[in-house]
Protein backbone atom coordinates (compact mmCIF):
# COMPACT_ATOMS: atom_id res chain seq x y z
CA UNK A 1 80.75 103.70 124.09
CA UNK A 2 80.79 104.07 120.62
CA UNK A 3 79.77 106.81 118.76
CA UNK A 4 79.16 106.46 114.95
CA UNK A 5 79.68 109.67 112.81
CA UNK A 6 78.48 108.87 109.25
CA UNK A 7 81.19 110.80 106.54
CA UNK A 8 77.91 112.40 105.28
CA UNK A 9 77.53 114.52 108.51
CA UNK A 10 80.81 115.68 108.80
CA UNK A 11 81.76 119.80 107.99
CA UNK A 12 82.55 120.38 104.42
CA UNK A 13 84.64 123.32 102.69
CA UNK A 14 85.52 122.51 98.65
CA UNK A 15 88.28 125.46 97.67
CA UNK A 16 87.98 123.99 94.26
CA UNK A 17 91.44 123.12 94.61
CA UNK A 18 91.24 121.19 98.32
CA UNK A 19 87.76 119.43 98.96
CA UNK A 20 88.32 119.02 102.73
CA UNK A 21 85.94 116.88 105.11
CA UNK A 22 86.60 117.87 108.96
CA UNK A 23 85.53 115.23 111.58
CA UNK A 24 86.16 117.74 114.06
CA UNK A 25 85.45 121.69 114.41
CA UNK A 26 88.58 123.04 112.00
CA UNK A 27 88.72 126.49 110.53
CA UNK A 28 85.07 127.91 108.94
CA UNK A 29 83.47 124.68 110.54
CA UNK A 30 82.26 124.78 114.17
CA UNK A 31 80.25 121.86 116.37
CA UNK A 32 80.81 122.37 119.71
CA UNK A 33 79.66 118.71 120.38
CA UNK A 34 82.59 117.71 118.10
CA UNK A 35 86.12 120.00 119.23
CA UNK A 36 87.60 117.13 120.07
CA UNK A 37 88.49 113.69 121.23
CA UNK A 38 90.36 113.61 124.14
CA UNK A 39 93.83 114.80 122.66
CA UNK A 40 92.93 114.62 119.05
CA UNK A 41 91.83 118.00 118.13
CA UNK A 42 92.01 117.46 114.08
CA UNK A 43 91.08 114.86 111.63
CA UNK A 44 90.60 116.07 108.31
CA UNK A 45 89.78 113.84 105.04
CA UNK A 46 91.20 116.03 102.37
CA UNK A 47 91.16 115.73 98.41
CA UNK A 48 93.95 117.64 97.07
CA UNK A 49 93.72 118.54 92.93
CA UNK A 50 96.70 117.55 90.88
CA UNK A 51 99.58 120.51 90.58
CA UNK A 52 98.25 122.27 94.49
CA UNK A 53 98.36 122.45 97.62
CA UNK A 54 98.97 124.33 100.59
CA UNK A 55 101.45 127.02 100.71
CA UNK A 56 103.74 128.02 103.50
CA UNK A 57 102.10 128.48 106.46
CA UNK A 58 103.03 128.35 110.19
CA UNK A 59 102.40 125.79 113.43
CA UNK A 60 103.50 125.82 116.82
CA UNK A 61 102.10 123.51 119.68
CA UNK A 62 100.89 120.76 117.44
CA UNK A 63 101.51 117.14 116.36
CA UNK A 64 100.63 116.87 112.84
CA UNK A 65 100.51 113.13 111.47
CA UNK A 66 99.72 113.02 107.37
CA UNK A 67 98.45 109.70 106.29
CA UNK A 68 98.22 109.15 102.47
CA UNK A 69 95.64 107.52 101.06
CA UNK A 70 95.98 108.10 97.51
CA UNK A 71 98.89 109.97 95.51
CA UNK A 72 101.46 111.72 96.93
CA UNK A 73 102.52 114.62 98.85
CA UNK A 74 105.54 117.03 98.57
CA UNK A 75 106.27 118.86 102.05
CA UNK A 76 109.08 121.63 102.16
CA UNK A 77 109.86 123.33 105.80
CA UNK A 78 111.73 126.25 107.44
CA UNK A 79 114.03 123.49 108.94
CA UNK A 80 115.46 122.53 105.31
CA UNK A 81 113.75 119.07 105.60
CA UNK A 82 111.80 117.93 101.89
CA UNK A 83 110.38 114.80 100.99
CA UNK A 84 107.65 113.16 99.04
CA UNK A 85 105.03 110.50 100.88
CA UNK A 86 103.64 108.17 99.00
CA UNK A 87 99.83 106.30 99.74
CA UNK A 88 100.01 104.03 102.45
CA UNK A 89 102.89 105.85 104.23
CA UNK A 90 103.12 108.75 106.53
CA UNK A 91 104.72 111.76 107.78
CA UNK A 92 104.91 113.40 111.12
CA UNK A 93 105.67 116.84 111.91
CA UNK A 94 106.08 118.59 115.81
CA UNK A 95 105.44 121.71 115.37
CA UNK A 96 107.38 122.46 118.98
CA UNK A 97 107.88 126.46 119.13
CA UNK A 98 106.95 126.88 115.74
CA UNK A 99 107.75 126.24 112.08
CA UNK A 100 106.83 127.08 108.63
CA UNK A 101 105.92 124.58 105.82
CA UNK A 102 104.15 123.71 102.43
CA UNK A 103 102.22 120.37 101.52
CA UNK A 104 102.07 120.10 97.75
CA UNK A 105 100.57 118.00 95.32
CA UNK A 106 103.30 117.56 92.86
CA UNK A 107 101.54 114.81 90.79
CA UNK A 108 99.09 114.31 87.72
CA UNK A 109 96.40 113.19 89.87
CA UNK A 110 94.71 113.57 93.23
CA UNK A 111 96.02 113.13 95.97
CA UNK A 112 93.30 111.89 98.88
CA UNK A 113 95.20 112.05 102.56
CA UNK A 114 94.03 112.24 106.44
CA UNK A 115 95.94 115.12 108.41
CA UNK A 116 95.35 114.20 111.74
CA UNK A 117 96.23 116.71 114.44
CA UNK A 118 97.34 115.73 118.30
CA UNK A 119 97.92 118.15 121.24
CA UNK A 120 101.18 117.33 122.50
CA UNK A 121 102.09 116.56 126.06
CA UNK A 122 104.28 119.92 126.53
CA UNK A 123 104.34 122.92 124.79
CA UNK A 124 107.63 124.07 123.03
CA UNK A 125 110.63 122.21 121.87
CA UNK A 126 112.42 122.46 118.85
CA UNK A 127 110.20 121.49 115.94
CA UNK A 128 110.69 118.14 113.86
CA UNK A 129 109.57 116.26 110.59
CA UNK A 130 109.97 112.71 109.94
CA UNK A 131 108.54 110.25 106.99
CA UNK A 132 108.34 106.47 106.25
CA UNK A 133 107.14 103.38 104.49
CA UNK A 134 104.71 101.14 105.79
CA UNK A 135 103.94 98.39 103.82
CA UNK A 136 100.27 97.44 104.09
CA UNK A 137 101.04 93.60 104.17
CA UNK A 138 103.00 94.26 107.37
CA UNK A 139 99.23 95.66 108.73
CA UNK A 140 97.39 92.45 107.25
CA UNK A 141 95.01 90.94 109.85
CA UNK A 142 96.71 93.01 112.87
CA UNK A 143 97.32 97.07 113.87
CA UNK A 144 100.75 98.31 113.79
CA UNK A 145 101.93 101.31 115.16
CA UNK A 146 102.42 104.26 112.54
CA UNK A 147 103.34 107.30 114.67
CA UNK A 148 103.68 106.84 118.31
CA UNK A 149 104.56 108.50 121.71
CA UNK A 150 104.15 105.18 123.61
CA UNK A 151 107.15 103.22 125.07
CA UNK A 152 108.43 100.02 123.02
CA UNK A 153 106.71 101.63 119.81
CA UNK A 154 110.00 101.41 118.27
CA UNK A 155 109.16 101.11 114.36
CA UNK A 156 106.73 103.80 114.61
CA UNK A 157 107.35 107.60 113.73
CA UNK A 158 107.90 109.42 117.34
CA UNK A 159 105.08 111.68 118.51
CA UNK A 160 105.59 114.02 121.35
CA UNK A 161 102.10 113.04 123.21
CA UNK A 162 100.61 110.14 124.60
CA UNK A 163 99.09 108.77 121.94
CA UNK A 164 99.41 106.14 118.96
CA UNK A 165 97.85 106.30 115.47
CA UNK A 166 97.82 102.54 114.12
CA UNK A 167 97.15 100.81 110.54
CA UNK A 168 95.67 97.97 109.77
CA UNK A 169 94.18 95.90 106.73
CA UNK A 170 91.29 93.15 107.12
CA UNK A 171 90.18 90.80 104.50
CA UNK A 172 86.45 90.46 104.21
CA UNK A 173 84.91 88.25 107.03
CA UNK A 174 87.86 88.79 109.15
CA UNK A 175 88.19 90.60 112.20
CA UNK A 176 90.92 92.59 114.35
CA UNK A 177 90.83 93.21 117.98
CA UNK A 178 92.80 96.37 119.72
CA UNK A 179 93.11 96.47 123.39
CA UNK A 180 94.04 100.14 124.61
CA UNK A 181 95.85 100.60 127.84
CA UNK A 182 92.76 101.70 129.44
CA UNK A 183 88.97 101.93 128.45
CA UNK A 184 89.65 105.67 129.43
CA UNK A 185 91.16 105.97 126.38
CA UNK A 186 90.10 108.16 123.50
CA UNK A 187 90.00 105.87 120.35
CA UNK A 188 88.81 107.29 116.98
CA UNK A 189 88.68 104.73 113.86
CA UNK A 190 88.14 105.59 110.74
CA UNK A 191 88.22 103.29 107.47
CA UNK A 192 90.14 104.37 104.76
CA UNK A 193 88.81 101.72 102.50
CA UNK A 194 85.87 99.30 102.76
CA UNK A 195 83.01 98.51 105.49
CA UNK A 196 82.95 97.30 108.99
CA UNK A 197 80.97 96.15 111.62
CA UNK A 198 81.88 97.17 115.37
CA UNK A 199 79.06 95.37 117.63
CA UNK A 200 75.62 96.42 116.26
CA UNK A 201 77.17 99.53 114.38
CA UNK A 202 78.28 99.59 110.78
CA UNK A 203 80.36 101.96 109.20
CA UNK A 204 81.72 102.62 105.53
CA UNK A 205 84.75 104.15 104.08
CA UNK A 206 85.30 107.32 105.58
CA UNK A 207 82.91 107.62 108.74
CA UNK A 208 84.11 107.85 112.11
CA UNK A 209 83.77 106.13 114.83
CA UNK A 210 84.56 107.41 118.39
CA UNK A 211 84.99 104.96 120.91
CA UNK A 212 85.75 105.46 124.66
CA UNK A 213 84.83 103.44 128.32
CA UNK A 214 85.45 100.15 126.15
CA UNK A 215 87.80 97.84 127.39
CA UNK A 216 88.61 96.13 123.86
CA UNK A 217 87.06 96.47 120.45
CA UNK A 218 86.78 93.92 117.65
CA UNK A 219 86.17 95.08 114.30
CA UNK A 220 85.09 92.84 111.44
CA UNK A 221 85.41 93.46 107.96
CA UNK A 222 82.61 93.22 106.02
CA UNK A 223 84.59 94.50 102.76
CA UNK A 224 88.36 94.43 102.19
CA UNK A 225 88.96 97.32 104.41
CA UNK A 226 92.22 99.60 105.59
CA UNK A 227 91.80 101.05 108.67
CA UNK A 228 93.57 103.86 110.65
CA UNK A 229 92.95 103.96 114.61
CA UNK A 230 94.01 107.05 116.74
CA UNK A 231 94.40 106.02 120.43
CA UNK A 232 94.71 109.16 122.88
CA UNK A 233 94.47 110.18 126.51
């Protein structure tokens, strides 16, 4: 089963400093058909104005992955962590039994990012945070784990859930195939840039594609494309 969710069907919330687009029900946007996709609970496509951001606020019992598309985001939290994550790179926060954090765009340009929330396998535990660079060249023509709770994804940031967040870059006319552990997995694919085809479905940048009951998927790039994929229980 492959379901195309065009960008213009997503939930919308423009707060001036934040232009948010919700793939799943979030805050004031609720769609009973789009509450979650397996353990994937949130995929927000955010545009954050320069010199603005999310002031300090709490989270608990959620794995929060931030994929920066353009610009940069600066993180601070109640554990004493501080870091700046640039375009193409990833940060992960395991909220555990509770954490306070802020996320600001301190740049002179807009920052665009995907914020992805995945339900943890177990509640509680000490919170944690980490970030690292993932050169796009390393993802050319293949999916590379960026954040993962799976065994053997040693180079990925750790998340405390049965899920993987992967990235790939694909040149126009080329294809990449992904095979989940079982066909029962819940896959969710978003092209950060470009346009793609899966089977008879064509999707543009920032569209969502929900996939399950498929032994594997083959994605063909119609334009040079940057892909982000979640594989969740």
